[in-house]
């Protein structure tokens, strides 16, 4: 994700099972941690998949963040205080 990207819509990467996201150095809006794409300002997970580990530094899970991923044990750390609607939509 280049530095020019400042916003990513809800569910933009839905059902992308094996997607690996990289964020360009210098991007001040997004970072990758534990395989999750995180909005820096809100500390919200925007994307994750069955291979992601939700980091304890995140405070919320955005709508559609894990849409369509395969069932895998997902540990939600105590740091998560909000899970938006449809965060785990169509998870098998």
N, C-alpha and C. Protein backbone atom coordinates (compact mmCIF):
# COMPACT_ATOMS: atom_id res chain seq x y z
N UNK A 1 0.87 -1.16 0.00
CA UNK A 1 0.00 0.00 0.00
C UNK A 1 0.91 1.23 0.00
N UNK A 2 0.84 2.02 -1.05
CA UNK A 2 1.73 3.17 -1.15
C UNK A 2 1.38 4.27 -0.15
N UNK A 3 2.28 5.21 0.00
CA UNK A 3 2.06 6.32 0.94
C UNK A 3 0.90 7.21 0.53
N UNK A 4 0.51 7.17 -0.73
CA UNK A 4 -0.58 8.01 -1.21
C UNK A 4 -1.96 7.52 -0.75
N UNK A 5 -2.05 6.27 -0.29
CA UNK A 5 -3.34 5.73 0.16
C UNK A 5 -3.62 6.21 1.58
N UNK A 6 -4.74 6.92 1.73
CA UNK A 6 -5.10 7.47 3.03
C UNK A 6 -6.40 6.87 3.58
N UNK A 7 -7.10 6.09 2.76
CA UNK A 7 -8.37 5.51 3.19
C UNK A 7 -8.62 4.22 2.42
N UNK A 8 -9.08 3.20 3.16
CA UNK A 8 -9.44 1.92 2.55
C UNK A 8 -10.84 1.58 3.04
N UNK A 9 -11.74 1.28 2.12
CA UNK A 9 -13.13 1.03 2.46
C UNK A 9 -13.36 -0.28 3.21
N UNK A 10 -14.49 -0.37 3.87
CA UNK A 10 -14.89 -1.54 4.63
C UNK A 10 -14.96 -2.75 3.71
N UNK A 11 -14.32 -3.84 4.12
CA UNK A 11 -14.35 -5.08 3.34
C UNK A 11 -13.62 -5.04 2.03
N UNK A 12 -12.73 -4.08 1.85
CA UNK A 12 -12.02 -3.93 0.57
C UNK A 12 -11.26 -5.19 0.16
N UNK A 13 -10.79 -5.94 1.14
CA UNK A 13 -10.03 -7.15 0.84
C UNK A 13 -10.78 -8.40 1.26
N UNK A 14 -12.09 -8.32 1.37
CA UNK A 14 -12.91 -9.44 1.81
C UNK A 14 -12.69 -10.69 0.98
N UNK A 15 -12.64 -11.82 1.65
CA UNK A 15 -12.48 -13.14 1.03
C UNK A 15 -11.16 -13.30 0.30
N UNK A 16 -10.17 -12.52 0.65
CA UNK A 16 -8.83 -12.69 0.09
C UNK A 16 -8.04 -13.58 1.06
N UNK A 17 -8.17 -14.87 0.87
CA UNK A 17 -7.67 -15.85 1.82
C UNK A 17 -6.17 -15.83 2.03
N UNK A 18 -5.41 -15.69 1.00
CA UNK A 18 -3.96 -15.78 1.10
C UNK A 18 -3.26 -14.46 0.83
N UNK A 19 -3.98 -13.38 0.93
CA UNK A 19 -3.41 -12.07 0.65
C UNK A 19 -2.41 -11.67 1.73
N UNK A 20 -1.27 -11.20 1.27
CA UNK A 20 -0.28 -10.62 2.17
C UNK A 20 -0.19 -9.15 1.82
N UNK A 21 -0.34 -8.31 2.81
CA UNK A 21 -0.32 -6.87 2.56
C UNK A 21 0.99 -6.28 3.04
N UNK A 22 1.55 -5.44 2.21
CA UNK A 22 2.75 -4.70 2.56
C UNK A 22 2.43 -3.21 2.50
N UNK A 23 2.96 -2.47 3.44
CA UNK A 23 2.73 -1.03 3.49
C UNK A 23 4.06 -0.34 3.22
N UNK A 24 4.02 0.62 2.33
CA UNK A 24 5.24 1.35 1.95
C UNK A 24 5.81 2.10 3.15
N UNK A 25 7.12 2.10 3.22
CA UNK A 25 7.80 2.86 4.26
C UNK A 25 7.40 4.32 4.13
N UNK A 26 7.06 4.93 5.22
CA UNK A 26 6.64 6.33 5.20
C UNK A 26 5.14 6.52 5.15
N UNK A 27 4.37 5.43 5.01
CA UNK A 27 2.91 5.55 5.04
C UNK A 27 2.51 5.87 6.48
N UNK A 28 1.89 7.01 6.68
CA UNK A 28 1.52 7.45 8.03
C UNK A 28 0.09 7.09 8.40
N UNK A 29 -0.60 6.39 7.51
CA UNK A 29 -2.00 6.04 7.75
C UNK A 29 -2.20 4.56 8.09
N UNK A 30 -1.30 3.71 7.62
CA UNK A 30 -1.45 2.26 7.81
C UNK A 30 -0.14 1.60 8.20
N UNK A 31 -0.29 0.48 8.91
CA UNK A 31 0.86 -0.36 9.24
C UNK A 31 0.39 -1.81 9.24
N UNK A 32 1.33 -2.73 9.15
CA UNK A 32 1.02 -4.16 9.23
C UNK A 32 1.65 -4.70 10.50
N UNK A 33 0.85 -5.42 11.26
CA UNK A 33 1.33 -6.03 12.49
C UNK A 33 0.61 -7.36 12.67
N UNK A 34 1.34 -8.42 12.87
CA UNK A 34 0.74 -9.74 13.03
C UNK A 34 -0.02 -10.21 11.81
N UNK A 35 0.32 -9.66 10.66
CA UNK A 35 -0.39 -10.00 9.43
C UNK A 35 -1.69 -9.25 9.27
N UNK A 36 -1.98 -8.33 10.17
CA UNK A 36 -3.19 -7.50 10.11
C UNK A 36 -2.83 -6.11 9.59
N UNK A 37 -3.70 -5.56 8.76
CA UNK A 37 -3.56 -4.18 8.31
C UNK A 37 -4.26 -3.31 9.34
N UNK A 38 -3.54 -2.35 9.89
CA UNK A 38 -4.08 -1.53 10.97
C UNK A 38 -4.05 -0.06 10.57
N UNK A 39 -5.19 0.62 10.80
CA UNK A 39 -5.26 2.07 10.62
C UNK A 39 -4.55 2.70 11.82
N UNK A 40 -3.53 3.46 11.56
CA UNK A 40 -2.71 4.00 12.65
C UNK A 40 -3.49 4.94 13.56
N UNK A 41 -4.24 5.88 12.98
CA UNK A 41 -4.93 6.89 13.79
C UNK A 41 -5.96 6.28 14.75
N UNK A 42 -6.75 5.33 14.27
CA UNK A 42 -7.80 4.73 15.11
C UNK A 42 -7.34 3.46 15.81
N UNK A 43 -6.19 2.92 15.40
CA UNK A 43 -5.67 1.66 15.95
C UNK A 43 -6.64 0.51 15.70
N UNK A 44 -7.33 0.59 14.55
CA UNK A 44 -8.36 -0.39 14.17
C UNK A 44 -7.83 -1.32 13.09
N UNK A 45 -8.14 -2.61 13.23
CA UNK A 45 -7.76 -3.58 12.21
C UNK A 45 -8.70 -3.41 11.02
N UNK A 46 -8.11 -3.18 9.85
CA UNK A 46 -8.89 -3.02 8.62
C UNK A 46 -8.95 -4.31 7.82
N UNK A 47 -7.94 -5.19 8.02
CA UNK A 47 -7.90 -6.45 7.29
C UNK A 47 -7.09 -7.48 8.06
N UNK A 48 -7.56 -8.70 7.99
CA UNK A 48 -6.82 -9.84 8.53
C UNK A 48 -7.34 -11.08 7.84
N UNK A 49 -6.61 -12.18 7.97
CA UNK A 49 -7.08 -13.44 7.41
C UNK A 49 -6.76 -14.57 8.38
N UNK A 50 -6.95 -15.81 7.95
CA UNK A 50 -6.79 -16.94 8.85
C UNK A 50 -5.36 -17.10 9.34
N UNK A 51 -4.41 -16.45 8.72
CA UNK A 51 -3.02 -16.53 9.13
C UNK A 51 -2.61 -15.38 10.04
N UNK A 52 -3.50 -14.45 10.26
CA UNK A 52 -3.19 -13.27 11.06
C UNK A 52 -3.26 -13.59 12.55
N UNK A 53 -2.49 -12.85 13.29
CA UNK A 53 -2.55 -12.86 14.75
C UNK A 53 -2.94 -11.46 15.17
N UNK A 54 -4.06 -11.35 15.84
CA UNK A 54 -4.51 -10.02 16.25
C UNK A 54 -3.55 -9.50 17.32
N UNK A 55 -2.88 -8.38 17.02
CA UNK A 55 -1.90 -7.86 17.97
C UNK A 55 -2.56 -7.19 19.18
N UNK A 56 -1.89 -7.28 20.30
CA UNK A 56 -2.42 -6.67 21.52
C UNK A 56 -2.31 -5.15 21.49
N UNK A 57 -1.71 -4.61 20.44
CA UNK A 57 -1.63 -3.15 20.29
C UNK A 57 -2.87 -2.57 19.62
N UNK A 58 -3.68 -3.44 18.98
CA UNK A 58 -4.91 -2.97 18.32
C UNK A 58 -6.01 -2.79 19.35
N UNK A 59 -6.89 -1.80 19.11
CA UNK A 59 -7.97 -1.55 20.05
C UNK A 59 -9.35 -1.91 19.51
N UNK A 60 -9.45 -2.14 18.20
CA UNK A 60 -10.75 -2.50 17.62
C UNK A 60 -10.56 -3.27 16.32
N UNK A 61 -11.64 -3.95 15.93
CA UNK A 61 -11.65 -4.71 14.68
C UNK A 61 -12.73 -4.08 13.80
N UNK A 62 -12.33 -3.63 12.64
CA UNK A 62 -13.24 -2.92 11.75
C UNK A 62 -14.22 -3.82 11.04
N UNK A 63 -15.29 -3.22 10.55
CA UNK A 63 -16.30 -3.93 9.79
C UNK A 63 -15.70 -4.59 8.57
N UNK A 64 -16.00 -5.88 8.40
CA UNK A 64 -15.51 -6.62 7.25
C UNK A 64 -14.05 -7.01 7.30
N UNK A 65 -13.38 -6.76 8.42
CA UNK A 65 -11.94 -7.00 8.51
C UNK A 65 -11.54 -8.44 8.20
N UNK A 66 -12.34 -9.40 8.65
CA UNK A 66 -12.02 -10.81 8.43
C UNK A 66 -13.06 -11.50 7.54
N UNK A 67 -13.79 -10.74 6.76
CA UNK A 67 -14.85 -11.28 5.92
C UNK A 67 -14.37 -12.43 5.04
N UNK A 68 -15.09 -13.53 5.10
CA UNK A 68 -14.86 -14.65 4.21
C UNK A 68 -13.63 -15.48 4.48
N UNK A 69 -13.01 -15.33 5.64
CA UNK A 69 -11.84 -16.14 5.93
C UNK A 69 -12.26 -17.52 6.41
N UNK A 70 -11.36 -18.46 6.29
CA UNK A 70 -11.64 -19.82 6.75
C UNK A 70 -11.54 -19.89 8.27
N UNK A 71 -12.24 -20.86 8.83
CA UNK A 71 -12.23 -21.04 10.27
C UNK A 71 -10.82 -21.36 10.76
N UNK A 72 -10.41 -20.64 11.72
CA UNK A 72 -9.15 -20.89 12.40
C UNK A 72 -9.32 -20.30 13.79
N UNK A 73 -8.68 -20.88 14.75
CA UNK A 73 -8.78 -20.28 16.08
C UNK A 73 -8.25 -18.84 16.04
N UNK A 74 -9.07 -17.92 16.46
CA UNK A 74 -8.66 -16.52 16.50
C UNK A 74 -8.72 -16.06 17.95
N UNK A 75 -7.59 -15.68 18.46
CA UNK A 75 -7.52 -15.18 19.83
C UNK A 75 -7.69 -13.67 19.79
N UNK A 76 -8.71 -13.19 20.48
CA UNK A 76 -8.96 -11.76 20.54
C UNK A 76 -8.40 -11.24 21.87
N UNK A 77 -7.36 -10.44 21.81
CA UNK A 77 -6.72 -9.97 23.04
C UNK A 77 -7.60 -8.98 23.81
N UNK A 78 -7.30 -8.82 25.07
CA UNK A 78 -8.07 -7.92 25.93
C UNK A 78 -8.00 -6.47 25.48
N UNK A 79 -7.04 -6.13 24.66
CA UNK A 79 -6.91 -4.75 24.17
C UNK A 79 -8.05 -4.36 23.23
N UNK A 80 -8.73 -5.36 22.64
CA UNK A 80 -9.83 -5.08 21.71
C UNK A 80 -11.06 -4.68 22.51
N UNK A 81 -11.52 -3.46 22.28
CA UNK A 81 -12.69 -2.96 23.01
C UNK A 81 -13.93 -2.83 22.12
N UNK A 82 -13.72 -2.87 20.80
CA UNK A 82 -14.83 -2.73 19.87
C UNK A 82 -14.64 -3.68 18.69
N UNK A 83 -15.73 -4.37 18.33
CA UNK A 83 -15.74 -5.19 17.11
C UNK A 83 -16.91 -4.67 16.28
N UNK A 84 -16.60 -4.10 15.13
CA UNK A 84 -17.63 -3.50 14.28
C UNK A 84 -18.50 -4.56 13.60
N UNK A 85 -19.63 -4.12 13.12
CA UNK A 85 -20.58 -5.00 12.42
C UNK A 85 -19.91 -5.73 11.27
N UNK A 86 -20.26 -6.98 11.11
CA UNK A 86 -19.81 -7.83 10.01
C UNK A 86 -18.31 -8.05 9.98
N UNK A 87 -17.63 -7.86 11.09
CA UNK A 87 -16.19 -8.06 11.15
C UNK A 87 -15.79 -9.47 10.74
N UNK A 88 -16.63 -10.44 11.07
CA UNK A 88 -16.34 -11.84 10.76
C UNK A 88 -17.40 -12.43 9.84
N UNK A 89 -17.96 -11.64 8.98
CA UNK A 89 -19.01 -12.06 8.06
C UNK A 89 -18.53 -13.19 7.15
N UNK A 90 -19.39 -14.17 6.96
CA UNK A 90 -19.14 -15.30 6.06
C UNK A 90 -17.87 -16.08 6.39
N UNK A 91 -17.50 -16.12 7.64
CA UNK A 91 -16.37 -16.94 8.03
C UNK A 91 -16.84 -18.38 8.19
N UNK A 92 -16.16 -19.29 7.52
CA UNK A 92 -16.55 -20.70 7.57
C UNK A 92 -15.94 -21.36 8.78
